[in-house]
Amino acid sequence: MSKVLICGIKNCDTMQKALKWLRAHDVDYDFYDYKESGLHRDAFDQALAAHGWENVLNKRGLTWRKLPDEVKASMNDAQALAVALENPSILKRPLLVTSDGTVTLGFSPERYAALFNL
């Protein structure tokens, strides 16, 4: 399998679990850190197309809760992009893109095992 792209924040517990799982199963990956490099626009666009903003944005996190109510009420794809560009911490983590373009949000060992046929 070709290398996968995994996007997130290095210090996130869920990211640490996902990265550990990938290493343990010898999955070759590139890690993209939102905190260091900002939004990965291509991965975001793929995730948005595959899952919609409602699933790409983490609506249970502090970043979402801090948004003004009028921003949350008027959220759409364009608004989600603007918010994510300003604060990529709002994205669900990890965001994983395989070489065939499959986009997976979040982490579970079972979902990753199925994704990589392990």
PDB file of N, CA and C in Angstrom:
ATOM      1  N   MET A   1       0.846  -1.187   0.000  1.00  0.00           N
ATOM      2  CA  MET A   1       0.000   0.000   0.000  1.00  0.00           C
ATOM      3  C   MET A   1       0.882   1.238   0.000  1.00  0.00           C
ATOM      4  N   SER A   2       0.456   2.237  -0.727  1.00  0.00           N
ATOM      5  CA  SER A   2       1.181   3.503  -0.753  1.00  0.00           C
ATOM      6  C   SER A   2       1.020   4.225   0.570  1.00  0.00           C
ATOM      7  N   LYS A   3       1.831   5.219   0.737  1.00  0.00           N
ATOM      8  CA  LYS A   3       1.810   6.024   1.953  1.00  0.00           C
ATOM      9  C   LYS A   3       0.471   6.733   2.115  1.00  0.00           C
ATOM     10  N   VAL A   4       0.033   6.844   3.371  1.00  0.00           N
ATOM     11  CA  VAL A   4      -1.195   7.570   3.670  1.00  0.00           C
ATOM     12  C   VAL A   4      -0.826   8.908   4.309  1.00  0.00           C
ATOM     13  N   LEU A   5      -1.771   9.818   4.298  1.00  0.00           N
ATOM     14  CA  LEU A   5      -1.612  11.120   4.940  1.00  0.00           C
ATOM     15  C   LEU A   5      -2.503  11.137   6.162  1.00  0.00           C
ATOM     16  N   ILE A   6      -1.934  11.488   7.301  1.00  0.00           N
ATOM     17  CA  ILE A   6      -2.721  11.626   8.515  1.00  0.00           C
ATOM     18  C   ILE A   6      -2.506  13.035   9.049  1.00  0.00           C
ATOM     19  N   CYS A   7      -3.612  13.745   9.259  1.00  0.00           N
ATOM     20  CA  CYS A   7      -3.564  15.135   9.688  1.00  0.00           C
ATOM     21  C   CYS A   7      -4.149  15.263  11.086  1.00  0.00           C
ATOM     22  N   GLY A   8      -3.542  16.129  11.877  1.00  0.00           N
ATOM     23  CA  GLY A   8      -4.053  16.370  13.217  1.00  0.00           C
ATOM     24  C   GLY A   8      -3.103  17.226  14.020  1.00  0.00           C
ATOM     25  N   ILE A   9      -3.153  17.047  15.315  1.00  0.00           N
ATOM     26  CA  ILE A   9      -2.319  17.801  16.248  1.00  0.00           C
ATOM     27  C   ILE A   9      -1.517  16.792  17.064  1.00  0.00           C
ATOM     28  N   LYS A  10      -0.214  16.964  17.060  1.00  0.00           N
ATOM     29  CA  LYS A  10       0.698  16.003  17.661  1.00  0.00           C
ATOM     30  C   LYS A  10       0.343  15.628  19.098  1.00  0.00           C
ATOM     31  N   ASN A  11      -0.087  16.590  19.900  1.00  0.00           N
ATOM     32  CA  ASN A  11      -0.330  16.332  21.312  1.00  0.00           C
ATOM     33  C   ASN A  11      -1.724  15.773  21.632  1.00  0.00           C
ATOM     34  N   CYS A  12      -2.545  15.600  20.642  1.00  0.00           N
ATOM     35  CA  CYS A  12      -3.893  15.064  20.828  1.00  0.00           C
ATOM     36  C   CYS A  12      -3.810  13.577  21.182  1.00  0.00           C
ATOM     37  N   ASP A  13      -4.523  13.166  22.225  1.00  0.00           N
ATOM     38  CA  ASP A  13      -4.508  11.765  22.659  1.00  0.00           C
ATOM     39  C   ASP A  13      -4.974  10.815  21.560  1.00  0.00           C
ATOM     40  N   THR A  14      -6.028  11.182  20.868  1.00  0.00           N
ATOM     41  CA  THR A  14      -6.540  10.330  19.801  1.00  0.00           C
ATOM     42  C   THR A  14      -5.529  10.209  18.665  1.00  0.00           C
ATOM     43  N   MET A  15      -4.848  11.305  18.375  1.00  0.00           N
ATOM     44  CA  MET A  15      -3.799  11.260  17.349  1.00  0.00           C
ATOM     45  C   MET A  15      -2.692  10.297  17.765  1.00  0.00           C
ATOM     46  N   GLN A  16      -2.295  10.373  19.023  1.00  0.00           N
ATOM     47  CA  GLN A  16      -1.240   9.489  19.514  1.00  0.00           C
ATOM     48  C   GLN A  16      -1.641   8.026  19.356  1.00  0.00           C
ATOM     49  N   LYS A  17      -2.891   7.703  19.647  1.00  0.00           N
ATOM     50  CA  LYS A  17      -3.382   6.325  19.493  1.00  0.00           C
ATOM     51  C   LYS A  17      -3.346   5.903  18.028  1.00  0.00           C
ATOM     52  N   ALA A  18      -3.786   6.793  17.143  1.00  0.00           N
ATOM     53  CA  ALA A  18      -3.806   6.476  15.711  1.00  0.00           C
ATOM     54  C   ALA A  18      -2.388   6.286  15.170  1.00  0.00           C
ATOM     55  N   LEU A  19      -1.482   7.169  15.539  1.00  0.00           N
ATOM     56  CA  LEU A  19      -0.103   7.054  15.059  1.00  0.00           C
ATOM     57  C   LEU A  19       0.557   5.786  15.588  1.00  0.00           C
ATOM     58  N   LYS A  20       0.287   5.459  16.836  1.00  0.00           N
ATOM     59  CA  LYS A  20       0.827   4.228  17.428  1.00  0.00           C
ATOM     60  C   LYS A  20       0.290   3.013  16.676  1.00  0.00           C
ATOM     61  N   TRP A  21      -1.005   3.028  16.362  1.00  0.00           N
ATOM     62  CA  TRP A  21      -1.613   1.919  15.625  1.00  0.00           C
ATOM     63  C   TRP A  21      -0.965   1.775  14.246  1.00  0.00           C
ATOM     64  N   LEU A  22      -0.790   2.893  13.538  1.00  0.00           N
ATOM     65  CA  LEU A  22      -0.176   2.845  12.205  1.00  0.00           C
ATOM     66  C   LEU A  22       1.236   2.268  12.271  1.00  0.00           C
ATOM     67  N   ARG A  23       2.022   2.715  13.246  1.00  0.00           N
ATOM     68  CA  ARG A  23       3.389   2.196  13.399  1.00  0.00           C
ATOM     69  C   ARG A  23       3.371   0.698  13.722  1.00  0.00           C
ATOM     70  N   ALA A  24       2.497   0.291  14.626  1.00  0.00           N
ATOM     71  CA  ALA A  24       2.422  -1.117  15.040  1.00  0.00           C
ATOM     72  C   ALA A  24       2.027  -2.034  13.885  1.00  0.00           C
ATOM     73  N   HIS A  25       1.303  -1.497  12.909  1.00  0.00           N
ATOM     74  CA  HIS A  25       0.847  -2.292  11.775  1.00  0.00           C
ATOM     75  C   HIS A  25       1.627  -1.989  10.499  1.00  0.00           C
ATOM     76  N   ASP A  26       2.783  -1.350  10.661  1.00  0.00           N
ATOM     77  CA  ASP A  26       3.695  -1.052   9.546  1.00  0.00           C
ATOM     78  C   ASP A  26       3.025  -0.331   8.381  1.00  0.00           C
ATOM     79  N   VAL A  27       2.132   0.599   8.711  1.00  0.00           N
ATOM     80  CA  VAL A  27       1.493   1.423   7.683  1.00  0.00           C
ATOM     81  C   VAL A  27       2.375   2.659   7.486  1.00  0.00           C
ATOM     82  N   ASP A  28       2.824   2.852   6.259  1.00  0.00           N
ATOM     83  CA  ASP A  28       3.684   3.989   5.925  1.00  0.00           C
ATOM     84  C   ASP A  28       2.817   5.240   5.826  1.00  0.00           C
ATOM     85  N   TYR A  29       3.173   6.274   6.577  1.00  0.00           N
ATOM     86  CA  TYR A  29       2.341   7.482   6.607  1.00  0.00           C
ATOM     87  C   TYR A  29       3.185   8.742   6.645  1.00  0.00           C
ATOM     88  N   ASP A  30       2.565   9.821   6.205  1.00  0.00           N
ATOM     89  CA  ASP A  30       3.083  11.177   6.390  1.00  0.00           C
ATOM     90  C   ASP A  30       2.171  11.851   7.396  1.00  0.00           C
ATOM     91  N   PHE A  31       2.764  12.489   8.387  1.00  0.00           N
ATOM     92  CA  PHE A  31       1.989  13.189   9.406  1.00  0.00           C
ATOM     93  C   PHE A  31       2.023  14.689   9.117  1.00  0.00           C
ATOM     94  N   TYR A  32       0.850  15.295   9.127  1.00  0.00           N
ATOM     95  CA  TYR A  32       0.721  16.736   8.912  1.00  0.00           C
ATOM     96  C   TYR A  32       0.138  17.340  10.178  1.00  0.00           C
ATOM     97  N   ASP A  33       0.882  18.236  10.806  1.00  0.00           N
ATOM     98  CA  ASP A  33       0.476  18.844  12.077  1.00  0.00           C
ATOM     99  C   ASP A  33      -0.176  20.202  11.818  1.00  0.00           C
ATOM    100  N   TYR A  34      -1.476  20.296  12.144  1.00  0.00           N
ATOM    101  CA  TYR A  34      -2.205  21.550  11.960  1.00  0.00           C
ATOM    102  C   TYR A  34      -1.614  22.692  12.773  1.00  0.00           C
ATOM    103  N   LYS A  35      -1.113  22.393  13.963  1.00  0.00           N
ATOM    104  CA  LYS A  35      -0.584  23.453  14.832  1.00  0.00           C
ATOM    105  C   LYS A  35       0.649  24.093  14.216  1.00  0.00           C
ATOM    106  N   GLU A  36       1.467  23.283  13.559  1.00  0.00           N
ATOM    107  CA  GLU A  36       2.700  23.792  12.959  1.00  0.00           C
ATOM    108  C   GLU A  36       2.484  24.394  11.579  1.00  0.00           C
ATOM    109  N   SER A  37       1.593  23.809  10.804  1.00  0.00           N
ATOM    110  CA  SER A  37       1.506  24.170   9.391  1.00  0.00           C
ATOM    111  C   SER A  37       0.162  24.720   8.934  1.00  0.00           C
ATOM    112  N   GLY A  38      -0.809  24.818   9.836  1.00  0.00           N
ATOM    113  CA  GLY A  38      -2.126  25.306   9.441  1.00  0.00           C
ATOM    114  C   GLY A  38      -2.935  24.223   8.748  1.00  0.00           C
ATOM    115  N   LEU A  39      -3.998  24.624   8.131  1.00  0.00           N
ATOM    116  CA  LEU A  39      -4.927  23.701   7.480  1.00  0.00           C
ATOM    117  C   LEU A  39      -4.275  23.053   6.260  1.00  0.00           C
ATOM    118  N   HIS A  40      -4.450  21.754   6.100  1.00  0.00           N
ATOM    119  CA  HIS A  40      -4.042  21.052   4.882  1.00  0.00           C
ATOM    120  C   HIS A  40      -5.239  21.127   3.942  1.00  0.00           C
ATOM    121  N   ARG A  41      -5.200  22.059   3.032  1.00  0.00           N
ATOM    122  CA  ARG A  41      -6.366  22.391   2.216  1.00  0.00           C
ATOM    123  C   ARG A  41      -6.864  21.210   1.387  1.00  0.00           C
ATOM    124  N   ASP A  42      -5.961  20.456   0.770  1.00  0.00           N
ATOM    125  CA  ASP A  42      -6.396  19.322  -0.051  1.00  0.00           C
ATOM    126  C   ASP A  42      -7.120  18.276   0.785  1.00  0.00           C
ATOM    127  N   ALA A  43      -6.543  17.934   1.942  1.00  0.00           N
ATOM    128  CA  ALA A  43      -7.174  16.944   2.815  1.00  0.00           C
ATOM    129  C   ALA A  43      -8.522  17.455   3.314  1.00  0.00           C
ATOM    130  N   PHE A  44      -8.590  18.742   3.673  1.00  0.00           N
ATOM    131  CA  PHE A  44      -9.849  19.329   4.123  1.00  0.00           C
ATOM    132  C   PHE A  44     -10.905  19.247   3.026  1.00  0.00           C
ATOM    133  N   ASP A  45     -10.537  19.628   1.807  1.00  0.00           N
ATOM    134  CA  ASP A  45     -11.488  19.597   0.691  1.00  0.00           C
ATOM    135  C   ASP A  45     -11.997  18.179   0.437  1.00  0.00           C
ATOM    136  N   GLN A  46     -11.101  17.189   0.512  1.00  0.00           N
ATOM    137  CA  GLN A  46     -11.507  15.798   0.315  1.00  0.00           C
ATOM    138  C   GLN A  46     -12.455  15.354   1.433  1.00  0.00           C
ATOM    139  N   ALA A  47     -12.132  15.722   2.663  1.00  0.00           N
ATOM    140  CA  ALA A  47     -12.976  15.347   3.798  1.00  0.00           C
ATOM    141  C   ALA A  47     -14.346  16.003   3.690  1.00  0.00           C
ATOM    142  N   LEU A  48     -14.358  17.256   3.302  1.00  0.00           N
ATOM    143  CA  LEU A  48     -15.616  17.990   3.155  1.00  0.00           C
ATOM    144  C   LEU A  48     -16.489  17.335   2.082  1.00  0.00           C
ATOM    145  N   ALA A  49     -15.881  16.975   0.952  1.00  0.00           N
ATOM    146  CA  ALA A  49     -16.634  16.334  -0.127  1.00  0.00           C
ATOM    147  C   ALA A  49     -17.167  14.962   0.301  1.00  0.00           C
ATOM    148  N   ALA A  50     -16.385  14.232   1.070  1.00  0.00           N
ATOM    149  CA  ALA A  50     -16.771  12.873   1.461  1.00  0.00           C
ATOM    150  C   ALA A  50     -17.744  12.839   2.638  1.00  0.00           C
ATOM    151  N   HIS A  51     -17.601  13.789   3.571  1.00  0.00           N
ATOM    152  CA  HIS A  51     -18.336  13.681   4.833  1.00  0.00           C
ATOM    153  C   HIS A  51     -19.214  14.881   5.182  1.00  0.00           C
ATOM    154  N   GLY A  52     -19.062  16.004   4.492  1.00  0.00           N
ATOM    155  CA  GLY A  52     -19.833  17.202   4.815  1.00  0.00           C
ATOM    156  C   GLY A  52     -19.273  17.916   6.036  1.00  0.00           C
ATOM    157  N   TRP A  53     -19.504  19.219   6.099  1.00  0.00           N
ATOM    158  CA  TRP A  53     -18.924  20.013   7.190  1.00  0.00           C
ATOM    159  C   TRP A  53     -19.420  19.549   8.559  1.00  0.00           C
ATOM    160  N   GLU A  54     -20.650  19.022   8.611  1.00  0.00           N
ATOM    161  CA  GLU A  54     -21.235  18.599   9.879  1.00  0.00           C
ATOM    162  C   GLU A  54     -20.412  17.506  10.558  1.00  0.00           C
ATOM    163  N   ASN A  55     -19.708  16.710   9.753  1.00  0.00           N
ATOM    164  CA  ASN A  55     -18.888  15.619  10.289  1.00  0.00           C
ATOM    165  C   ASN A  55     -17.407  15.979  10.351  1.00  0.00           C
ATOM    166  N   VAL A  56     -16.980  16.911   9.541  1.00  0.00           N
ATOM    167  CA  VAL A  56     -15.562  17.297   9.515  1.00  0.00           C
ATOM    168  C   VAL A  56     -15.217  18.203  10.694  1.00  0.00           C
ATOM    169  N   LEU A  57     -16.148  19.076  11.067  1.00  0.00           N
ATOM    170  CA  LEU A  57     -15.901  19.946  12.213  1.00  0.00           C
ATOM    171  C   LEU A  57     -16.256  19.213  13.499  1.00  0.00           C
ATOM    172  N   ASN A  58     -15.420  19.376  14.503  1.00  0.00           N
ATOM    173  CA  ASN A  58     -15.664  18.771  15.810  1.00  0.00           C
ATOM    174  C   ASN A  58     -16.594  19.691  16.594  1.00  0.00           C
ATOM    175  N   LYS A  59     -17.871  19.354  16.592  1.00  0.00           N
ATOM    176  CA  LYS A  59     -18.865  20.204  17.257  1.00  0.00           C
ATOM    177  C   LYS A  59     -18.961  19.925  18.758  1.00  0.00           C
ATOM    178  N   ARG A  60     -18.150  19.002  19.263  1.00  0.00           N
ATOM    179  CA  ARG A  60     -18.155  18.733  20.699  1.00  0.00           C
ATOM    180  C   ARG A  60     -16.956  19.382  21.402  1.00  0.00           C
ATOM    181  N   GLY A  61     -16.082  20.001  20.629  1.00  0.00           N
ATOM    182  CA  GLY A  61     -14.881  20.572  21.200  1.00  0.00           C
ATOM    183  C   GLY A  61     -15.025  22.014  21.638  1.00  0.00           C
ATOM    184  N   LEU A  62     -14.033  22.471  22.351  1.00  0.00           N
ATOM    185  CA  LEU A  62     -14.001  23.827  22.882  1.00  0.00           C
ATOM    186  C   LEU A  62     -13.992  24.879  21.766  1.00  0.00           C
ATOM    187  N   THR A  63     -13.284  24.598  20.681  1.00  0.00           N
ATOM    188  CA  THR A  63     -13.200  25.562  19.581  1.00  0.00           C
ATOM    189  C   THR A  63     -14.590  25.850  19.015  1.00  0.00           C
ATOM    190  N   TRP A  64     -15.399  24.807  18.826  1.00  0.00           N
ATOM    191  CA  TRP A  64     -16.770  24.990  18.337  1.00  0.00           C
ATOM    192  C   TRP A  64     -17.602  25.786  19.333  1.00  0.00           C
ATOM    193  N   ARG A  65     -17.501  25.416  20.604  1.00  0.00           N
ATOM    194  CA  ARG A  65     -18.302  26.087  21.630  1.00  0.00           C
ATOM    195  C   ARG A  65     -17.965  27.565  21.744  1.00  0.00           C
ATOM    196  N   LYS A  66     -16.756  27.945  21.406  1.00  0.00           N
ATOM    197  CA  LYS A  66     -16.344  29.353  21.493  1.00  0.00           C
ATOM    198  C   LYS A  66     -16.809  30.185  20.298  1.00  0.00           C
ATOM    199  N   LEU A  67     -17.258  29.528  19.234  1.00  0.00           N
ATOM    200  CA  LEU A  67     -17.738  30.274  18.070  1.00  0.00           C
ATOM    201  C   LEU A  67     -19.001  31.042  18.425  1.00  0.00           C
ATOM    202  N   PRO A  68     -19.162  32.240  17.875  1.00  0.00           N
ATOM    203  CA  PRO A  68     -20.409  32.974  18.097  1.00  0.00           C
ATOM    204  C   PRO A  68     -21.606  32.169  17.570  1.00  0.00           C
ATOM    205  N   ASP A  69     -22.730  32.288  18.244  1.00  0.00           N
ATOM    206  CA  ASP A  69     -23.921  31.543  17.854  1.00  0.00           C
ATOM    207  C   ASP A  69     -24.332  31.819  16.413  1.00  0.00           C
ATOM    208  N   GLU A  70     -24.174  33.063  15.962  1.00  0.00           N
ATOM    209  CA  GLU A  70     -24.569  33.381  14.586  1.00  0.00           C
ATOM    210  C   GLU A  70     -23.679  32.684  13.562  1.00  0.00           C
ATOM    211  N   VAL A  71     -22.417  32.452  13.900  1.00  0.00           N
ATOM    212  CA  VAL A  71     -21.517  31.715  13.003  1.00  0.00           C
ATOM    213  C   VAL A  71     -21.950  30.252  12.949  1.00  0.00           C
ATOM    214  N   LYS A  72     -22.228  29.673  14.102  1.00  0.00           N
ATOM    215  CA  LYS A  72     -22.676  28.276  14.141  1.00  0.00           C
ATOM    216  C   LYS A  72     -23.996  28.111  13.388  1.00  0.00           C
ATOM    217  N   ALA A  73     -24.899  29.044  13.551  1.00  0.00           N
ATOM    218  CA  ALA A  73     -26.218  28.948  12.911  1.00  0.00           C
ATOM    219  C   ALA A  73     -26.146  29.079  11.393  1.00  0.00           C
ATOM    220  N   SER A  74     -25.151  29.804  10.897  1.00  0.00           N
ATOM    221  CA  SER A  74     -25.042  30.021   9.449  1.00  0.00           C
ATOM    222  C   SER A  74     -23.976  29.135   8.807  1.00  0.00           C
ATOM    223  N   MET A  75     -23.516  28.103   9.510  1.00  0.00           N
ATOM    224  CA  MET A  75     -22.431  27.263   9.011  1.00  0.00           C
ATOM    225  C   MET A  75     -22.816  26.576   7.716  1.00  0.00           C
ATOM    226  N   ASN A  76     -21.893  26.602   6.780  1.00  0.00           N
ATOM    227  CA  ASN A  76     -22.014  25.893   5.515  1.00  0.00           C
ATOM    228  C   ASN A  76     -20.583  25.543   5.082  1.00  0.00           C
ATOM    229  N   ASP A  77     -20.402  24.993   3.899  1.00  0.00           N
ATOM    230  CA  ASP A  77     -19.063  24.585   3.459  1.00  0.00           C
ATOM    231  C   ASP A  77     -18.085  25.753   3.433  1.00  0.00           C
ATOM    232  N   ALA A  78     -18.509  26.878   2.881  1.00  0.00           N
ATOM    233  CA  ALA A  78     -17.620  28.047   2.787  1.00  0.00           C
ATOM    234  C   ALA A  78     -17.264  28.580   4.172  1.00  0.00           C
ATOM    235  N   GLN A  79     -18.249  28.643   5.057  1.00  0.00           N
ATOM    236  CA  GLN A  79     -18.011  29.116   6.424  1.00  0.00           C
ATOM    237  C   GLN A  79     -17.094  28.143   7.162  1.00  0.00           C
ATOM    238  N   ALA A  80     -17.289  26.835   6.946  1.00  0.00           N
ATOM    239  CA  ALA A  80     -16.442  25.824   7.585  1.00  0.00           C
ATOM    240  C   ALA A  80     -14.990  25.999   7.153  1.00  0.00           C
ATOM    241  N   LEU A  81     -14.779  26.282   5.885  1.00  0.00           N
ATOM    242  CA  LEU A  81     -13.423  26.531   5.393  1.00  0.00           C
ATOM    243  C   LEU A  81     -12.819  27.747   6.078  1.00  0.00           C
ATOM    244  N   ALA A  82     -13.572  28.841   6.151  1.00  0.00           N
ATOM    245  CA  ALA A  82     -13.075  30.062   6.785  1.00  0.00           C
ATOM    246  C   ALA A  82     -12.710  29.810   8.248  1.00  0.00           C
ATOM    247  N   VAL A  83     -13.568  29.099   8.960  1.00  0.00           N
ATOM    248  CA  VAL A  83     -13.316  28.807  10.371  1.00  0.00           C
ATOM    249  C   VAL A  83     -12.102  27.890  10.505  1.00  0.00           C
ATOM    250  N   ALA A  84     -12.000  26.879   9.659  1.00  0.00           N
ATOM    251  CA  ALA A  84     -10.880  25.933   9.727  1.00  0.00           C
ATOM    252  C   ALA A  84      -9.557  26.590   9.354  1.00  0.00           C
ATOM    253  N   LEU A  85      -9.592  27.528   8.416  1.00  0.00           N
ATOM    254  CA  LEU A  85      -8.363  28.239   8.056  1.00  0.00           C
ATOM    255  C   LEU A  85      -7.850  29.056   9.238  1.00  0.00           C
ATOM    256  N   GLU A  86      -8.777  29.657   9.962  1.00  0.00           N
ATOM    257  CA  GLU A  86      -8.412  30.474  11.104  1.00  0.00           C
ATOM    258  C   GLU A  86      -8.000  29.628  12.307  1.00  0.00           C
ATOM    259  N   ASN A  87      -8.673  28.502  12.489  1.00  0.00           N
ATOM    260  CA  ASN A  87      -8.377  27.654  13.640  1.00  0.00           C
ATOM    261  C   ASN A  87      -8.575  26.178  13.282  1.00  0.00           C
ATOM    262  N   PRO A  88      -7.533  25.529  12.731  1.00  0.00           N
ATOM    263  CA  PRO A  88      -7.668  24.132  12.319  1.00  0.00           C
ATOM    264  C   PRO A  88      -7.919  23.168  13.473  1.00  0.00           C
ATOM    265  N   SER A  89      -7.801  23.627  14.703  1.00  0.00           N
ATOM    266  CA  SER A  89      -8.111  22.770  15.859  1.00  0.00           C
ATOM    267  C   SER A  89      -9.571  22.343  15.873  1.00  0.00           C
ATOM    268  N   ILE A  90     -10.413  23.005  15.088  1.00  0.00           N
ATOM    269  CA  ILE A  90     -11.834  22.672  15.062  1.00  0.00           C
ATOM    270  C   ILE A  90     -12.116  21.392  14.276  1.00  0.00           C
ATOM    271  N   LEU A  91     -11.154  20.904  13.531  1.00  0.00           N
ATOM    272  CA  LEU A  91     -11.371  19.709  12.719  1.00  0.00           C
ATOM    273  C   LEU A  91     -11.325  18.447  13.573  1.00  0.00           C
ATOM    274  N   LYS A  92     -12.132  17.466  13.191  1.00  0.00           N
ATOM    275  CA  LYS A  92     -12.066  16.160  13.848  1.00  0.00           C
ATOM    276  C   LYS A  92     -10.697  15.562  13.560  1.00  0.00           C
ATOM    277  N   ARG A  93     -10.187  14.857  14.569  1.00  0.00           N
ATOM    278  CA  ARG A  93      -8.865  14.272  14.430  1.00  0.00           C
ATOM    279  C   ARG A  93      -8.924  12.800  14.799  1.00  0.00           C
ATOM    280  N   PRO A  94      -8.082  12.044  14.141  1.00  0.00           N
ATOM    281  CA  PRO A  94      -7.293  12.380  12.965  1.00  0.00           C
ATOM    282  C   PRO A  94      -8.141  12.393  11.696  1.00  0.00           C
ATOM    283  N   LEU A  95      -7.595  13.040  10.713  1.00  0.00           N
ATOM    284  CA  LEU A  95      -8.156  13.037   9.379  1.00  0.00           C
ATOM    285  C   LEU A  95      -7.154  12.246   8.546  1.00  0.00           C
ATOM    286  N   LEU A  96      -7.558  11.091   8.055  1.00  0.00           N
ATOM    287  CA  LEU A  96      -6.657  10.191   7.338  1.00  0.00           C
ATOM    288  C   LEU A  96      -7.116  10.054   5.895  1.00  0.00           C
ATOM    289  N   VAL A  97      -6.165  10.217   4.968  1.00  0.00           N
ATOM    290  CA  VAL A  97      -6.464  10.090   3.539  1.00  0.00           C
ATOM    291  C   VAL A  97      -5.565   9.001   2.970  1.00  0.00           C
ATOM    292  N   THR A  98      -6.179   7.969   2.399  1.00  0.00           N
ATOM    293  CA  THR A  98      -5.411   6.889   1.787  1.00  0.00           C
ATOM    294  C   THR A  98      -5.046   7.255   0.354  1.00  0.00           C
ATOM    295  N   SER A  99      -4.168   6.455  -0.235  1.00  0.00           N
ATOM    296  CA  SER A  99      -3.699   6.737  -1.588  1.00  0.00           C
ATOM    297  C   SER A  99      -4.822   6.677  -2.624  1.00  0.00           C
ATOM    298  N   ASP A 100      -5.904   5.945  -2.319  1.00  0.00           N
ATOM    299  CA  ASP A 100      -7.029   5.892  -3.262  1.00  0.00           C
ATOM    300  C   ASP A 100      -8.056   6.996  -3.006  1.00  0.00           C
ATOM    301  N   GLY A 101      -7.748   7.896  -2.057  1.00  0.00           N
ATOM    302  CA  GLY A 101      -8.619   9.032  -1.789  1.00  0.00           C
ATOM    303  C   GLY A 101      -9.678   8.793  -0.727  1.00  0.00           C
ATOM    304  N   THR A 102      -9.675   7.634  -0.091  1.00  0.00           N
ATOM    305  CA  THR A 102     -10.618   7.367   0.993  1.00  0.00           C
ATOM    306  C   THR A 102     -10.269   8.257   2.183  1.00  0.00           C
ATOM    307  N   VAL A 103     -11.273   8.931   2.718  1.00  0.00           N
ATOM    308  CA  VAL A 103     -11.073   9.842   3.852  1.00  0.00           C
ATOM    309  C   VAL A 103     -11.766   9.264   5.073  1.00  0.00           C
ATOM    310  N   THR A 104     -11.003   9.113   6.155  1.00  0.00           N
ATOM    311  CA  THR A 104     -11.526   8.599   7.408  1.00  0.00           C
ATOM    312  C   THR A 104     -11.349   9.652   8.479  1.00  0.00           C
ATOM    313  N   LEU A 105     -12.404   9.895   9.245  1.00  0.00           N
ATOM    314  CA  LEU A 105     -12.360  10.862  10.347  1.00  0.00           C
ATOM    315  C   LEU A 105     -12.381  10.114  11.668  1.00  0.00           C
ATOM    316  N   GLY A 106     -11.564  10.565  12.607  1.00  0.00           N
ATOM    317  CA  GLY A 106     -11.512   9.919  13.909  1.00  0.00           C
ATOM    318  C   GLY A 106     -10.705   8.639  13.848  1.00  0.00           C
ATOM    319  N   PHE A 107     -10.609   7.966  14.994  1.00  0.00           N
ATOM    320  CA  PHE A 107      -9.825   6.741  15.061  1.00  0.00           C
ATOM    321  C   PHE A 107     -10.557   5.671  15.849  1.00  0.00           C
ATOM    322  N   SER A 108     -10.540   4.481  15.302  1.00  0.00           N
ATOM    323  CA  SER A 108     -10.886   3.282  16.061  1.00  0.00           C
ATOM    324  C   SER A 108     -10.041   2.164  15.457  1.00  0.00           C
ATOM    325  N   PRO A 109      -9.492   1.304  16.303  1.00  0.00           N
ATOM    326  CA  PRO A 109      -8.665   0.213  15.785  1.00  0.00           C
ATOM    327  C   PRO A 109      -9.421  -0.659  14.774  1.00  0.00           C
ATOM    328  N   GLU A 110     -10.694  -0.892  15.032  1.00  0.00           N
ATOM    329  CA  GLU A 110     -11.491  -1.726  14.126  1.00  0.00           C
ATOM    330  C   GLU A 110     -11.650  -1.068  12.748  1.00  0.00           C
ATOM    331  N   ARG A 111     -11.922   0.205  12.741  1.00  0.00           N
ATOM    332  CA  ARG A 111     -12.097   0.915  11.475  1.00  0.00           C
ATOM    333  C   ARG A 111     -10.789   0.944  10.681  1.00  0.00           C
ATOM    334  N   TYR A 112      -9.680   1.186  11.367  1.00  0.00           N
ATOM    335  CA  TYR A 112      -8.381   1.191  10.681  1.00  0.00           C
ATOM    336  C   TYR A 112      -8.044  -0.205  10.165  1.00  0.00           C
ATOM    337  N   ALA A 113      -8.304  -1.234  10.949  1.00  0.00           N
ATOM    338  CA  ALA A 113      -8.031  -2.606  10.509  1.00  0.00           C
ATOM    339  C   ALA A 113      -8.811  -2.925   9.232  1.00  0.00           C
ATOM    340  N   ALA A 114     -10.075  -2.535   9.191  1.00  0.00           N
ATOM    341  CA  ALA A 114     -10.892  -2.758   8.003  1.00  0.00           C
ATOM    342  C   ALA A 114     -10.374  -1.942   6.824  1.00  0.00           C
ATOM    343  N   LEU A 115     -10.000  -0.706   7.079  1.00  0.00           N
ATOM    344  CA  LEU A 115      -9.497   0.167   6.022  1.00  0.00           C
ATOM    345  C   LEU A 115      -8.237  -0.395   5.381  1.00  0.00           C
ATOM    346  N   PHE A 116      -7.361  -0.980   6.202  1.00  0.00           N
ATOM    347  CA  PHE A 116      -6.087  -1.499   5.698  1.00  0.00           C
ATOM    348  C   PHE A 116      -6.098  -3.016   5.497  1.00  0.00           C
ATOM    349  N   ASN A 117      -7.296  -3.605   5.545  1.00  0.00           N
ATOM    350  CA  ASN A 117      -7.464  -5.050   5.329  1.00  0.00           C
ATOM    351  C   ASN A 117      -6.551  -5.868   6.229  1.00  0.00           C
ATOM    352  N   LEU A 118      -6.532  -5.533   7.504  1.00  0.00           N
ATOM    353  CA  LEU A 118      -5.688  -6.268   8.473  1.00  0.00           C
ATOM    354  C   LEU A 118      -6.546  -7.070   9.437  1.00  0.00           C
TER     355      LEU A 118
END
